Amino acid sequence: MAPPPDPAAGGALAGVLADLDALSVRLDALVAPLPEADWRRPTPAAGWDVAAQVGHLAWTDVAATAAAGAAAGAKEPWDALVLQAMSDPEHFVDTSATEGGAVPPATLLADWRDRRATLQAALRELAERHPGAKMPWFGPPMSPTSMATARYMETWAHGLDVADALGAPVEHDDGVRHVCHIGVRTRAFSHLNRGEEAPTAEVRVELVGPSGATWTWGPEDAAQRVEGPAVDFAQLVTQRRHRADLALRATGAEADHWLDVAQAFAGPPGPGRAPAGTDTGTATSTDSQGGPA
């Protein structure tokens, strides 16, 4: 007999899904009225236009839905997707994004709306019917709440790319805490992913959210510290802004080096974005999602 649902876990999932939905609606509102030419604008992620960014979000929603199905016992769609990825591991993400973005914008927008709603329903159902289940993924297996948090991170990061391409202002809210949380949790991964040893010293992270709330991770008396605006930290760990353009402060050598290699998403180290005012470097496309939340 399956264990009873955990009300606390369900509440956490509901909160993340609500934040994800609000974020998606804002990005939807930005792209929905665009003429065809603006959907084809290049974004800072090399080779990806605005449509490819949305196409990638829609494709990843399908992949995450398949992963939720696999965790519930329906493994065929997920297995097929993994085989597809294995057939061209270096390019399948770019290919899926560009192919997804090649359809007419109205079709793409309708597909994305349908797929993100389907994913939300799948995550809720998995949490309710299979409490404690972990979903397979391209990184570590994830709970439904972890997956929702990772989907928030990706939507937030790709939304920045779209806004940059369009020269549009970005409205930030305290949902960015989800991105920061993954950024903190992937500290060791950021080093290991570059062939470095995992750090041993504890780090204290103190970030100020858009509302003025302060969020903290790590022991209060840690010698290694990172402080600053939460939006800046989120931009750093998703490699959407160069460290030199952000108001983050590091105390201690390990904390300082972490900010140079921070990466909240799975996959090889990306080049990140060059400092403002330079022409070299592009934003990394978060082609896989971060580790567990």
Protein backbone atom coordinates (compact mmCIF):
# COMPACT_ATOMS: atom_id res chain seq x y z
CA MET A 1 0.00 0.00 0.00
CA ALA A 2 1.34 3.44 -0.90
CA PRO A 3 2.00 5.85 1.97
CA PRO A 4 -0.55 8.61 2.51
CA PRO A 5 0.10 11.96 0.82
CA ASP A 6 2.29 14.40 2.73
CA PRO A 7 0.24 17.61 3.12
CA ALA A 8 3.38 19.69 3.63
CA ALA A 9 4.94 18.36 0.44
CA GLY A 10 1.72 19.02 -1.46
CA GLY A 11 1.67 22.58 -0.17
CA ALA A 12 5.23 23.17 -1.31
CA LEU A 13 4.43 21.86 -4.79
CA ALA A 14 1.31 24.00 -5.04
CA GLY A 15 3.30 27.10 -4.12
CA VAL A 16 6.00 26.47 -6.71
CA LEU A 17 3.44 25.68 -9.39
CA ALA A 18 1.58 28.90 -8.65
CA ASP A 19 4.80 30.88 -8.99
CA LEU A 20 5.69 29.02 -12.20
CA ASP A 21 2.27 29.74 -13.65
CA ALA A 22 2.54 33.45 -12.85
CA LEU A 23 6.00 33.61 -14.42
CA SER A 24 4.82 31.76 -17.54
CA VAL A 25 1.83 34.07 -17.90
CA ARG A 26 4.13 37.11 -17.85
CA LEU A 27 6.36 35.64 -20.55
CA ASP A 28 3.26 34.61 -22.52
CA ALA A 29 1.97 38.18 -22.36
CA LEU A 30 5.31 39.46 -23.66
CA VAL A 31 5.46 37.21 -26.73
CA ALA A 32 1.77 36.78 -27.61
CA PRO A 33 1.33 40.12 -29.43
CA LEU A 34 4.64 39.93 -31.31
CA PRO A 35 4.65 40.09 -35.09
CA GLU A 36 6.36 37.25 -36.94
CA ALA A 37 9.55 39.29 -37.40
CA ASP A 38 10.02 39.69 -33.65
CA TRP A 39 9.62 35.95 -33.07
CA ARG A 40 12.62 35.57 -35.37
CA ARG A 41 14.83 38.01 -33.49
CA PRO A 42 18.11 36.45 -32.33
CA THR A 43 18.58 36.15 -28.58
CA PRO A 44 21.85 36.17 -26.59
CA ALA A 45 21.88 32.35 -26.68
CA ALA A 46 23.83 31.60 -29.86
CA GLY A 47 21.66 30.21 -32.67
CA TRP A 48 18.38 30.65 -30.80
CA ASP A 49 15.77 33.20 -31.79
CA VAL A 50 12.76 34.14 -29.65
CA ALA A 51 10.72 31.30 -31.13
CA ALA A 52 13.44 28.75 -30.34
CA GLN A 53 13.45 29.90 -26.71
CA VAL A 54 9.71 29.30 -26.41
CA GLY A 55 10.03 26.10 -28.44
CA HIS A 56 12.59 24.83 -25.96
CA LEU A 57 10.31 25.58 -23.02
CA ALA A 58 7.47 23.73 -24.72
CA TRP A 59 9.69 20.75 -25.57
CA THR A 60 11.04 20.53 -22.03
CA ASP A 61 7.50 20.57 -20.65
CA VAL A 62 6.78 17.52 -22.82
CA ALA A 63 9.96 15.84 -21.59
CA ALA A 64 9.11 16.56 -17.96
CA THR A 65 5.59 15.23 -18.46
CA ALA A 66 7.08 12.03 -19.86
CA ALA A 67 9.38 11.82 -16.84
CA ALA A 68 6.39 12.18 -14.52
CA GLY A 69 4.68 9.37 -16.41
CA ALA A 70 7.76 7.18 -16.06
CA ALA A 71 7.79 7.75 -12.30
CA ALA A 72 4.16 6.60 -12.24
CA GLY A 73 4.96 3.46 -14.25
CA ALA A 74 4.35 4.55 -17.86
CA LYS A 75 7.93 4.43 -19.08
CA GLU A 76 7.59 4.19 -22.87
CA PRO A 77 7.44 7.93 -23.74
CA TRP A 78 10.38 8.71 -21.47
CA ASP A 79 12.44 5.81 -22.80
CA ALA A 80 11.79 6.95 -26.37
CA LEU A 81 12.90 10.46 -25.52
CA VAL A 82 16.11 9.19 -23.91
CA LEU A 83 16.90 7.12 -26.98
CA GLN A 84 16.37 10.21 -29.12
CA ALA A 85 18.77 12.17 -26.94
CA MET A 86 21.36 9.39 -27.04
CA SER A 87 21.27 9.37 -30.84
CA ASP A 88 22.63 12.93 -30.97
CA PRO A 89 23.71 13.96 -27.47
CA GLU A 90 25.53 17.13 -28.56
CA HIS A 91 22.75 18.63 -30.63
CA PHE A 92 19.38 17.18 -29.65
CA VAL A 93 18.50 20.12 -27.39
CA ASP A 94 19.36 22.71 -30.04
CA THR A 95 17.57 20.65 -32.66
CA SER A 96 14.40 20.33 -30.59
CA ALA A 97 14.43 24.06 -29.86
CA THR A 98 14.91 25.16 -33.45
CA GLU A 99 12.43 22.63 -34.81
CA GLY A 100 9.89 23.58 -32.17
CA GLY A 101 10.38 27.25 -32.96
CA ALA A 102 10.02 26.76 -36.72
CA VAL A 103 6.24 26.39 -36.60
CA PRO A 104 3.98 29.45 -36.98
CA PRO A 105 4.04 31.57 -33.80
CA ALA A 106 0.33 31.08 -33.13
CA THR A 107 0.81 27.31 -33.22
CA LEU A 108 3.88 27.47 -31.02
CA LEU A 109 2.13 29.65 -28.45
CA ALA A 110 -0.89 27.34 -28.32
CA ASP A 111 1.37 24.30 -27.96
CA TRP A 112 3.33 25.88 -25.13
CA ARG A 113 0.17 26.84 -23.26
CA ASP A 114 -1.20 23.31 -23.60
CA ARG A 115 2.06 21.62 -22.66
CA ARG A 116 2.75 23.66 -19.56
CA ALA A 117 -0.82 23.05 -18.32
CA THR A 118 -0.40 19.32 -19.00
CA LEU A 119 2.84 19.26 -17.04
CA GLN A 120 1.32 21.01 -14.04
CA ALA A 121 -1.50 18.44 -13.97
CA ALA A 122 1.00 15.57 -14.30
CA LEU A 123 3.13 16.84 -11.41
CA ARG A 124 0.09 17.25 -9.16
CA GLU A 125 -1.16 13.77 -10.03
CA LEU A 126 2.23 12.19 -9.40
CA ALA A 127 2.55 13.87 -6.01
CA GLU A 128 -0.97 12.82 -5.00
CA ARG A 129 -0.94 9.24 -6.26
CA HIS A 130 2.72 8.35 -5.78
CA PRO A 131 4.02 10.32 -2.79
CA GLY A 132 7.78 10.16 -2.51
CA ALA A 133 8.23 9.18 -6.17
CA LYS A 134 11.31 10.47 -8.00
CA MET A 135 11.23 11.39 -11.66
CA PRO A 136 14.06 10.33 -14.00
CA TRP A 137 15.89 13.22 -15.62
CA PHE A 138 19.06 14.16 -17.49
CA GLY A 139 20.62 15.07 -14.15
CA PRO A 140 19.73 13.56 -10.77
CA PRO A 141 16.20 12.15 -10.31
CA MET A 142 13.79 14.75 -8.98
CA SER A 143 10.63 14.97 -6.94
CA PRO A 144 7.63 16.79 -8.45
CA THR A 145 8.48 19.86 -6.37
CA SER A 146 12.08 19.74 -7.55
CA MET A 147 10.93 19.49 -11.16
CA ALA A 148 8.56 22.42 -10.75
CA THR A 149 11.40 24.45 -9.23
CA ALA A 150 13.68 23.53 -12.11
CA ARG A 151 10.97 24.49 -14.62
CA TYR A 152 10.74 27.84 -12.88
CA MET A 153 14.49 28.33 -13.25
CA GLU A 154 14.45 27.51 -16.93
CA THR A 155 11.43 29.68 -17.67
CA TRP A 156 13.01 32.55 -15.77
CA ALA A 157 16.36 32.23 -17.57
CA HIS A 158 14.92 31.83 -21.06
CA GLY A 159 12.50 34.64 -20.33
CA LEU A 160 15.49 36.90 -19.68
CA ASP A 161 16.91 35.92 -23.06
CA VAL A 162 13.62 36.80 -24.75
CA ALA A 163 13.36 40.13 -22.92
CA ASP A 164 16.95 40.97 -23.84
CA ALA A 165 16.26 40.23 -27.50
CA LEU A 166 13.19 42.46 -27.48
CA GLY A 167 14.68 45.21 -25.31
CA ALA A 168 11.76 44.71 -22.92
CA PRO A 169 11.83 45.48 -19.18
CA VAL A 170 11.60 42.50 -16.83
CA GLU A 171 9.28 42.42 -13.84
CA HIS A 172 10.92 40.49 -11.01
CA ASP A 173 9.14 39.18 -7.94
CA ASP A 174 10.05 36.97 -5.02
CA GLY A 175 9.57 33.85 -7.12
CA VAL A 176 13.23 34.34 -8.03
CA ARG A 177 13.99 32.65 -4.72
CA HIS A 178 13.44 29.32 -6.50
CA VAL A 179 16.31 30.10 -8.88
CA CYS A 180 18.53 31.15 -5.99
CA HIS A 181 17.72 27.96 -4.09
CA ILE A 182 18.87 25.80 -7.00
CA GLY A 183 21.93 28.02 -7.37
CA VAL A 184 22.93 27.36 -3.76
CA ARG A 185 22.15 23.64 -3.94
CA THR A 186 24.33 23.19 -7.04
CA ARG A 187 27.46 24.72 -5.51
CA ALA A 188 29.37 21.43 -5.36
CA PHE A 189 28.17 20.47 -8.84
CA SER A 190 29.52 23.75 -10.24
CA HIS A 191 33.04 22.78 -9.16
CA LEU A 192 32.83 19.10 -10.06
CA ASN A 193 31.46 19.97 -13.48
CA ARG A 194 34.73 21.79 -14.21
CA GLY A 195 36.94 18.99 -12.98
CA GLU A 196 37.57 20.64 -9.62
CA GLU A 197 37.22 19.14 -6.16
CA ALA A 198 34.01 19.85 -4.32
CA PRO A 199 34.40 22.65 -1.77
CA THR A 200 34.60 21.62 1.86
CA ALA A 201 33.98 24.89 3.69
CA GLU A 202 30.44 25.90 4.56
CA VAL A 203 29.19 29.07 2.91
CA ARG A 204 26.66 31.59 4.15
CA VAL A 205 24.47 33.09 1.44
CA GLU A 206 22.40 36.18 2.23
CA LEU A 207 20.28 37.59 -0.59
CA VAL A 208 17.73 40.39 -0.74
CA GLY A 209 14.65 39.65 -2.80
CA PRO A 210 12.69 42.13 -4.93
CA SER A 211 10.25 42.72 -2.05
CA GLY A 212 13.09 43.56 0.34
CA ALA A 213 12.88 40.20 2.13
CA THR A 214 16.19 38.62 3.10
CA TRP A 215 16.77 34.94 2.31
CA THR A 216 19.59 32.95 3.84
CA TRP A 217 21.31 29.61 3.36
CA GLY A 218 24.14 28.08 5.37
CA PRO A 219 25.42 28.64 8.91
CA GLU A 220 25.34 32.20 10.17
CA ASP A 221 28.94 32.03 11.43
CA ALA A 222 30.48 30.68 8.21
CA ALA A 223 33.67 32.44 7.18
CA GLN A 224 32.84 32.01 3.49
CA ARG A 225 30.01 34.38 2.53
CA VAL A 226 28.06 35.58 -0.50
CA GLU A 227 25.77 38.60 -0.24
CA GLY A 228 23.80 40.81 -2.58
CA PRO A 229 20.57 41.15 -4.57
CA ALA A 230 18.74 37.87 -5.22
CA VAL A 231 18.10 38.80 -8.86
CA ASP A 232 21.83 39.32 -9.39
CA PHE A 233 22.63 35.93 -7.86
CA ALA A 234 20.00 34.26 -10.04
CA GLN A 235 21.42 35.94 -13.14
CA LEU A 236 24.88 34.72 -12.18
CA VAL A 237 24.02 31.07 -11.54
CA THR A 238 21.98 30.84 -14.76
CA GLN A 239 24.87 32.55 -16.59
CA ARG A 240 22.67 35.36 -17.88
CA ARG A 241 24.94 38.18 -16.69
CA HIS A 242 28.67 38.45 -16.15
CA ARG A 243 29.84 38.67 -12.57
CA ALA A 244 31.46 42.05 -13.26
CA ASP A 245 28.03 43.53 -13.97
CA LEU A 246 26.42 42.31 -10.74
CA ALA A 247 26.39 43.67 -7.19
CA LEU A 248 27.41 40.44 -5.46
CA ARG A 249 29.97 40.42 -2.67
CA ALA A 250 32.08 37.40 -1.75
CA THR A 251 34.07 36.98 1.45
CA GLY A 252 36.66 34.21 1.49
CA ALA A 253 38.57 32.53 -1.30
CA GLU A 254 36.17 29.60 -1.74
CA ALA A 255 33.12 31.84 -1.92
CA ASP A 256 34.90 34.12 -4.36
CA HIS A 257 35.86 31.25 -6.68
CA TRP A 258 32.36 29.80 -6.51
CA LEU A 259 30.99 32.98 -8.06
CA ASP A 260 33.39 32.49 -10.97
CA VAL A 261 32.15 28.95 -11.75
CA ALA A 262 28.55 28.97 -10.48
CA GLN A 263 26.14 27.00 -12.68
CA ALA A 264 22.62 26.08 -11.63
CA PHE A 265 21.77 23.88 -14.62
CA ALA A 266 22.94 20.45 -15.73
CA GLY A 267 25.22 20.05 -18.71
CA PRO A 268 28.78 21.07 -19.57
CA PRO A 269 30.13 24.43 -18.37
CA GLY A 270 28.89 27.19 -20.59
CA PRO A 271 30.71 30.34 -21.68
CA GLY A 272 28.23 32.56 -19.91
CA ARG A 273 27.78 36.14 -21.02
CA ALA A 274 30.53 38.66 -21.59
CA PRO A 275 30.69 41.83 -19.49
CA ALA A 276 28.39 44.63 -20.59
CA GLY A 277 29.83 46.69 -23.40
CA THR A 278 31.76 43.85 -25.05
CA ASP A 279 30.81 41.91 -28.14
CA THR A 280 32.19 38.49 -27.25
CA GLY A 281 30.42 35.67 -25.40
CA THR A 282 26.83 34.55 -25.39
CA ALA A 283 24.42 33.49 -22.74
CA THR A 284 24.27 29.79 -22.08
CA SER A 285 21.06 28.06 -23.10
CA THR A 286 20.02 26.06 -20.05
CA ASP A 287 19.57 22.90 -22.06
CA SER A 288 19.02 20.71 -19.04
CA GLN A 289 17.64 21.56 -15.67
CA GLY A 290 19.32 21.98 -12.35
CA GLY A 291 19.65 19.49 -9.56
CA PRO A 292 17.11 18.73 -6.88
CA ALA A 293 15.48 21.56 -5.00
